[in-house]
């Protein structure tokens, strides 16, 4: 098949990572793949040098004629069988172009918020595939009135050659961050907004640190809660055992340094990409039992699924894992194997191929 991905967003989050990884995976699976992307963005940087043929284009909003013209030209030159979109502001122009040019279209929905009335009513029915990234999202959209036959689910693909356990990288970065071999390092990697749970996690860590001198914490990210988090760290009595770094493009050195990763969100997540990246990197995960996060791990097998915002339970779980090296090693091994079976790029590319080829009315 000939697949034209469109993603002109300038950000560098999970949706952008999904587009990069899936388009490369479809190339590796033997399909001809092109993409309309905005120059000098994370998506563009992630695809430069790959087998994906690149076209330049920008949709500043759904009515931007420049984006429409760029995609129209790409369709004329590349002659795709499918147009594949991932960003809401591009839904309507891509659906219109697909209809006018007689090309099939698949649209991914990554965020769980309700769509505007006309988009909610027409887009899932107009396009050939409307795809969400977790069963949690699928259930929610069906509950909001989207016909179950109009919506499909495909998990995020993960490049297991990029995210993997690396003993040398672990040794180098533990040394770099000043951790001893027997220190137990708990990490938070992501947006530091109040609803992401960094503040109650900090309370749990400070309480655990009071009982175990080997527990350390590293915080990677930025956001509105950084100052509140810093205040809590400074007043918690263990400031020297906390490290904060702003967001980094390559998080693998931080995964390598960890003994466990915490995803303590207080609000529903549609998926939780950081969870599967950590497990692929050989790091057990502690996740809030909320939204799509439970689909990213297997509780008591690859990590622990914990009640939302319960500081005492999070504290006790961190303490228990900190003193049980054998359990941590078992979770590490299980996590890598489990993620490999469920989210590896080859598996997701195969599922996507079947999804696009299946006959639907």
Protein backbone atom coordinates (compact mmCIF):
# COMPACT_ATOMS: atom_id res chain seq x y z
CA UNK A 1 0.00 0.00 0.00
CA UNK A 2 0.93 3.63 -0.49
CA UNK A 3 0.36 5.60 2.72
CA UNK A 4 0.44 9.38 3.11
CA UNK A 5 0.74 10.49 6.75
CA UNK A 6 -0.11 14.11 7.54
CA UNK A 7 1.12 15.79 10.73
CA UNK A 8 2.07 19.45 10.63
CA UNK A 9 1.96 20.06 14.38
CA UNK A 10 5.03 21.69 15.95
CA UNK A 11 5.00 19.82 19.27
CA UNK A 12 7.02 16.86 20.50
CA UNK A 13 4.65 14.78 22.59
CA UNK A 14 3.06 11.36 22.36
CA UNK A 15 0.98 12.05 19.23
CA UNK A 16 4.07 13.18 17.36
CA UNK A 17 6.06 10.15 18.56
CA UNK A 18 3.23 7.91 17.41
CA UNK A 19 3.27 9.37 13.88
CA UNK A 20 7.05 9.03 13.60
CA UNK A 21 7.18 5.47 14.90
CA UNK A 22 4.16 4.17 12.99
CA UNK A 23 5.19 5.68 9.64
CA UNK A 24 8.68 4.17 9.96
CA UNK A 25 7.19 0.84 11.01
CA UNK A 26 4.93 0.76 7.95
CA UNK A 27 7.98 1.46 5.78
CA UNK A 28 9.80 -1.44 7.40
CA UNK A 29 6.76 -3.63 6.77
CA UNK A 30 7.16 -3.06 3.03
CA UNK A 31 4.71 -0.24 2.34
CA UNK A 32 5.53 2.93 0.43
CA UNK A 33 5.19 5.80 2.88
CA UNK A 34 5.25 9.58 2.56
CA UNK A 35 4.42 12.34 5.05
CA UNK A 36 3.36 15.97 4.90
CA UNK A 37 5.10 17.61 7.87
CA UNK A 38 6.03 21.05 9.09
CA UNK A 39 9.77 21.78 8.61
CA UNK A 40 12.00 22.16 11.66
CA UNK A 41 9.67 20.32 14.03
CA UNK A 42 10.19 17.14 16.09
CA UNK A 43 8.16 15.15 13.53
CA UNK A 44 10.34 16.44 10.69
CA UNK A 45 13.54 15.72 12.65
CA UNK A 46 12.31 12.25 13.54
CA UNK A 47 11.66 11.33 9.91
CA UNK A 48 14.67 12.94 8.21
CA UNK A 49 17.02 10.24 7.00
CA UNK A 50 14.36 7.53 7.08
CA UNK A 51 12.69 5.86 4.09
CA UNK A 52 9.64 8.09 4.51
CA UNK A 53 9.33 10.56 1.61
CA UNK A 54 8.81 14.05 3.03
CA UNK A 55 6.62 16.92 1.81
CA UNK A 56 6.47 20.33 3.51
CA UNK A 57 3.18 21.74 4.72
CA UNK A 58 1.53 23.65 7.56
CA UNK A 59 -2.03 23.71 8.89
CA UNK A 60 -2.22 26.60 11.33
CA UNK A 61 -5.92 25.79 11.65
CA UNK A 62 -8.59 23.81 9.80
CA UNK A 63 -9.14 26.69 7.35
CA UNK A 64 -5.51 27.29 6.39
CA UNK A 65 -5.40 27.10 2.56
CA UNK A 66 -1.63 26.52 2.56
CA UNK A 67 -2.03 23.20 4.32
CA UNK A 68 -4.82 22.21 1.95
CA UNK A 69 -2.67 23.03 -1.09
CA UNK A 70 0.36 21.15 0.35
CA UNK A 71 -1.63 17.96 0.94
CA UNK A 72 -3.37 18.25 -2.44
CA UNK A 73 0.03 18.46 -4.17
CA UNK A 74 1.37 15.52 -2.17
CA UNK A 75 -1.66 13.44 -3.16
CA UNK A 76 -1.10 14.37 -6.82
CA UNK A 77 2.59 13.43 -6.73
CA UNK A 78 2.53 10.43 -4.41
CA UNK A 79 -0.85 8.96 -5.41
CA UNK A 80 -1.59 7.30 -2.03
CA UNK A 81 -4.09 4.57 -1.29
CA UNK A 82 -4.64 6.04 2.19
CA UNK A 83 -4.32 9.44 3.86
CA UNK A 84 -3.58 9.07 7.59
CA UNK A 85 -4.08 11.95 10.03
CA UNK A 86 -3.58 12.37 13.76
CA UNK A 87 -4.38 15.99 14.69
CA UNK A 88 -7.90 17.33 15.19
CA UNK A 89 -7.31 20.62 13.35
CA UNK A 90 -6.46 18.59 10.23
CA UNK A 91 -9.50 16.26 10.32
CA UNK A 92 -11.88 18.29 8.17
CA UNK A 93 -9.45 19.40 5.43
CA UNK A 94 -8.05 15.85 5.14
CA UNK A 95 -11.56 14.37 5.00
CA UNK A 96 -12.51 16.85 2.27
CA UNK A 97 -9.35 16.19 0.24
CA UNK A 98 -9.85 12.43 0.56
CA UNK A 99 -13.45 12.74 -0.63
CA UNK A 100 -12.56 14.98 -3.57
CA UNK A 101 -9.60 12.85 -4.66
CA UNK A 102 -11.20 9.46 -4.10
CA UNK A 103 -8.59 8.38 -1.54
CA UNK A 104 -9.37 6.36 1.58
CA UNK A 105 -8.70 8.07 4.90
CA UNK A 106 -7.84 6.90 8.43
CA UNK A 107 -7.85 9.32 11.35
CA UNK A 108 -6.30 8.67 14.77
CA UNK A 109 -7.74 10.20 17.92
CA UNK A 110 -5.18 10.48 20.72
CA UNK A 111 -6.95 12.70 23.25
CA UNK A 112 -10.05 11.70 25.15
CA UNK A 113 -11.86 15.04 25.30
CA UNK A 114 -15.25 15.23 23.53
CA UNK A 115 -15.17 16.49 19.95
CA UNK A 116 -17.18 19.46 18.70
CA UNK A 117 -20.73 18.63 17.65
CA UNK A 118 -20.26 18.48 13.87
CA UNK A 119 -16.92 16.65 14.17
CA UNK A 120 -18.40 14.18 16.66
CA UNK A 121 -21.42 13.55 14.46
CA UNK A 122 -19.86 13.37 11.01
CA UNK A 123 -16.11 12.56 11.08
CA UNK A 124 -16.30 8.96 12.43
CA UNK A 125 -18.98 8.25 9.80
CA UNK A 126 -17.26 10.02 6.91
CA UNK A 127 -13.83 8.45 7.19
CA UNK A 128 -12.92 4.86 6.40
CA UNK A 129 -11.16 4.24 9.72
CA UNK A 130 -11.54 6.23 12.96
CA UNK A 131 -8.95 4.85 15.39
CA UNK A 132 -8.33 5.41 19.11
CA UNK A 133 -5.28 4.29 21.08
CA UNK A 134 -6.80 2.39 24.02
CA UNK A 135 -9.85 0.36 24.95
CA UNK A 136 -10.54 2.99 27.61
CA UNK A 137 -10.89 5.64 24.86
CA UNK A 138 -13.01 3.38 22.68
CA UNK A 139 -15.46 2.75 25.53
CA UNK A 140 -15.67 6.48 26.26
CA UNK A 141 -16.40 7.47 22.68
CA UNK A 142 -19.05 4.79 22.38
CA UNK A 143 -20.61 6.09 25.63
CA UNK A 144 -20.69 9.57 24.04
CA UNK A 145 -22.72 8.28 21.14
CA UNK A 146 -20.17 7.28 18.50
CA UNK A 147 -21.36 4.12 16.75
CA UNK A 148 -19.24 1.17 17.91
CA UNK A 149 -18.91 -0.04 14.32
CA UNK A 150 -17.30 3.30 13.34
CA UNK A 151 -14.45 3.19 15.84
CA UNK A 152 -11.42 0.92 16.09
CA UNK A 153 -8.48 0.62 18.48
CA UNK A 154 -4.76 0.35 17.81
CA UNK A 155 -2.13 0.69 20.54
CA UNK A 156 0.93 2.90 20.25
CA UNK A 157 3.90 1.19 18.58
CA UNK A 158 7.23 1.11 20.39
CA UNK A 159 10.68 0.77 18.84
CA UNK A 160 12.40 -1.87 20.98
CA UNK A 161 15.74 -1.19 19.35
CA UNK A 162 15.57 2.39 20.61
CA UNK A 163 14.15 1.65 24.07
CA UNK A 164 16.05 -1.22 25.67
CA UNK A 165 17.96 -2.13 28.81
CA UNK A 166 21.60 -1.04 28.50
CA UNK A 167 23.93 -1.98 31.41
CA UNK A 168 26.71 0.32 30.18
CA UNK A 169 24.35 3.28 29.87
CA UNK A 170 23.02 2.50 33.35
CA UNK A 171 26.49 2.41 34.86
CA UNK A 172 27.55 5.66 33.16
CA UNK A 173 24.45 7.63 34.13
CA UNK A 174 24.24 6.35 37.70
CA UNK A 175 27.80 7.60 38.06
CA UNK A 176 26.94 10.88 36.33
CA UNK A 177 24.01 11.56 38.68
CA UNK A 178 25.99 10.53 41.76
CA UNK A 179 24.08 7.36 42.64
CA UNK A 180 25.71 4.48 44.49
CA UNK A 181 25.22 0.94 43.26
CA UNK A 182 22.80 0.15 46.09
CA UNK A 183 20.78 3.37 45.87
CA UNK A 184 17.13 2.91 44.88
CA UNK A 185 16.18 5.59 42.35
CA UNK A 186 12.54 6.42 41.69
CA UNK A 187 11.82 8.59 38.63
CA UNK A 188 9.05 10.82 37.34
CA UNK A 189 9.27 11.67 33.63
CA UNK A 190 6.65 13.88 32.00
CA UNK A 191 4.70 17.12 32.15
CA UNK A 192 4.80 18.60 35.63
CA UNK A 193 1.24 19.84 35.83
CA UNK A 194 -0.79 19.65 39.06
CA UNK A 195 -3.03 16.90 37.66
CA UNK A 196 -0.09 14.63 36.80
CA UNK A 197 0.37 13.65 40.45
CA UNK A 198 3.93 14.84 41.08
CA UNK A 199 3.01 16.53 44.38
CA UNK A 200 1.43 13.53 46.17
CA UNK A 201 4.25 11.38 44.74
CA UNK A 202 6.74 13.76 46.38
CA UNK A 203 4.92 13.32 49.71
CA UNK A 204 5.11 9.55 49.35
CA UNK A 205 8.80 9.69 48.47
CA UNK A 206 9.68 11.97 51.38
CA UNK A 207 7.89 9.62 53.77
CA UNK A 208 9.70 6.63 52.25
CA UNK A 209 13.04 8.45 52.45
CA UNK A 210 12.51 8.93 56.18
CA UNK A 211 12.45 5.14 56.55
CA UNK A 212 15.03 4.11 53.95
CA UNK A 213 18.22 6.19 53.46
CA UNK A 214 18.93 4.56 50.07
CA UNK A 215 15.82 5.90 48.31
CA UNK A 216 16.53 8.77 45.87
CA UNK A 217 14.31 10.63 43.40
CA UNK A 218 14.85 12.16 39.98
CA UNK A 219 12.30 14.45 38.34
CA UNK A 220 12.41 15.02 34.57
CA UNK A 221 10.06 17.54 33.00
CA UNK A 222 8.60 20.99 33.22
CA UNK A 223 5.26 22.62 33.81
CA UNK A 224 3.05 24.63 36.12
CA UNK A 225 3.76 22.48 39.19
CA UNK A 226 7.55 22.86 39.17
CA UNK A 227 7.65 25.64 41.76
CA UNK A 228 5.19 23.87 44.06
CA UNK A 229 7.21 20.68 43.68
CA UNK A 230 10.43 22.51 44.52
CA UNK A 231 8.81 24.04 47.61
CA UNK A 232 7.67 20.60 48.75
CA UNK A 233 11.14 19.13 48.16
CA UNK A 234 12.87 21.94 50.07
CA UNK A 235 10.51 21.67 53.05
CA UNK A 236 10.41 17.86 53.12
CA UNK A 237 13.72 17.35 54.91
CA UNK A 238 15.43 15.34 52.13
CA UNK A 239 16.18 17.93 49.46
CA UNK A 240 19.66 16.55 48.79
CA UNK A 241 18.13 13.23 47.70
CA UNK A 242 16.00 14.83 44.97
CA UNK A 243 17.31 15.86 41.52
CA UNK A 244 15.28 17.89 38.98
CA UNK A 245 16.12 18.23 35.29
CA UNK A 246 14.04 20.04 32.69
CA UNK A 247 12.57 18.07 29.78
CA UNK A 248 15.08 16.25 27.58
CA UNK A 249 14.58 15.11 23.99
CA UNK A 250 16.31 11.80 24.73
CA UNK A 251 15.04 10.26 27.98
CA UNK A 252 16.91 6.97 27.65
CA UNK A 253 19.80 8.05 29.96
CA UNK A 254 17.24 8.76 32.69
CA UNK A 255 15.43 5.44 32.22
CA UNK A 256 18.81 3.74 32.47
CA UNK A 257 19.47 5.29 35.88
CA UNK A 258 16.12 4.24 37.41
CA UNK A 259 15.07 1.35 39.61
CA UNK A 260 11.38 2.18 39.19
CA UNK A 261 9.29 4.74 37.31
CA UNK A 262 6.20 6.39 38.77
CA UNK A 263 3.19 7.48 36.68
CA UNK A 264 0.98 8.88 39.46
CA UNK A 265 -1.58 10.81 37.38
CA UNK A 266 -4.64 12.18 39.17
CA UNK A 267 -6.73 12.52 36.01
CA UNK A 268 -7.53 10.11 33.21
CA UNK A 269 -4.77 9.41 30.69
CA UNK A 270 -5.73 8.04 27.30
CA UNK A 271 -2.72 5.70 27.28
CA UNK A 272 0.62 6.38 28.99
CA UNK A 273 3.52 6.08 26.57
CA UNK A 274 6.14 6.71 29.28
CA UNK A 275 5.00 3.51 31.00
CA UNK A 276 5.74 1.24 28.04
CA UNK A 277 9.00 3.08 27.28
CA UNK A 278 10.16 2.48 30.86
CA UNK A 279 9.28 -1.23 30.80
CA UNK A 280 11.04 -1.68 27.45
CA UNK A 281 14.07 -0.05 29.08
CA UNK A 282 14.02 -2.61 31.91
CA UNK A 283 12.33 -0.40 34.53
CA UNK A 284 9.36 -1.58 36.66
CA UNK A 285 6.46 0.89 36.74
CA UNK A 286 4.12 2.20 39.41
CA UNK A 287 0.94 3.46 37.75
CA UNK A 288 -2.29 5.06 38.90
CA UNK A 289 -5.25 2.77 38.35
CA UNK A 290 -6.96 5.25 36.06
CA UNK A 291 -7.85 5.75 32.41
CA UNK A 292 -5.72 3.95 29.84
CA UNK A 293 -2.72 3.44 32.13
CA UNK A 294 -3.78 -0.06 33.26
CA UNK A 295 -3.56 -1.15 29.61
CA UNK A 296 0.13 -0.21 29.51
CA UNK A 297 1.28 -2.69 32.16
CA UNK A 298 0.33 -5.89 33.98
CA UNK A 299 -0.10 -5.37 37.70
CA UNK A 300 2.12 -7.54 39.92
CA UNK A 301 3.84 -8.85 36.78
CA UNK A 302 5.53 -5.82 35.20
CA UNK A 303 4.87 -3.31 37.96
CA UNK A 304 2.23 -2.17 40.42
CA UNK A 305 -1.18 -0.62 39.77
CA UNK A 306 -1.97 1.71 42.67
CA UNK A 307 -4.96 3.75 43.94
CA UNK A 308 -5.04 7.32 42.67
CA UNK A 309 -3.45 9.87 45.02
CA UNK A 310 -3.18 7.49 48.00
CA UNK A 311 0.10 8.70 49.52
CA UNK A 312 0.32 5.91 52.12
CA UNK A 313 -0.09 3.11 49.56
CA UNK A 314 2.43 4.68 47.18
CA UNK A 315 4.90 5.12 50.08
CA UNK A 316 4.54 1.51 51.21
CA UNK A 317 4.83 0.15 47.66
CA UNK A 318 8.04 2.13 47.08
CA UNK A 319 9.45 0.86 50.39
CA UNK A 320 8.52 -2.76 49.62
CA UNK A 321 10.10 -2.67 46.15
CA UNK A 322 13.16 -0.87 47.49
CA UNK A 323 13.98 -3.70 49.87
CA UNK A 324 13.08 -6.58 47.50
CA UNK A 325 15.79 -6.72 44.83
CA UNK A 326 14.63 -10.11 43.57
CA UNK A 327 11.12 -8.79 42.91
CA UNK A 328 12.48 -5.72 41.11
CA UNK A 329 14.57 -7.93 38.84
CA UNK A 330 11.58 -10.16 38.09
CA UNK A 331 9.40 -7.17 37.22
CA UNK A 332 12.17 -5.80 34.99
CA UNK A 333 12.41 -9.04 33.03
CA UNK A 334 8.65 -9.46 32.76
CA UNK A 335 8.14 -5.88 31.63
CA UNK A 336 10.53 -6.08 28.70
CA UNK A 337 8.97 -9.36 27.50
CA UNK A 338 5.38 -8.17 27.96
CA UNK A 339 5.87 -4.86 26.15
CA UNK A 340 7.69 -6.67 23.36
CA UNK A 341 4.71 -8.92 22.70
CA UNK A 342 2.07 -6.21 22.93
CA UNK A 343 3.52 -2.96 21.56
CA UNK A 344 6.54 -3.70 19.35
CA UNK A 345 6.50 -1.83 16.06
CA UNK A 346 6.36 -4.97 13.92
CA UNK A 347 3.25 -6.24 15.70
CA UNK A 348 1.42 -2.89 15.56
CA UNK A 349 2.36 -2.41 11.89
CA UNK A 350 0.92 -5.82 11.09
CA UNK A 351 -2.30 -5.03 12.96
CA UNK A 352 -2.57 -1.68 11.18
CA UNK A 353 -2.05 -3.35 7.79
CA UNK A 354 -4.85 -5.83 8.51
CA UNK A 355 -7.06 -2.97 9.72
CA UNK A 356 -6.56 -1.03 6.48
CA UNK A 357 -7.08 -4.07 4.25
CA UNK A 358 -10.19 -5.48 5.87
CA UNK A 359 -13.43 -5.02 3.99
CA UNK A 360 -15.83 -2.59 5.69
CA UNK A 361 -19.06 -1.08 4.50
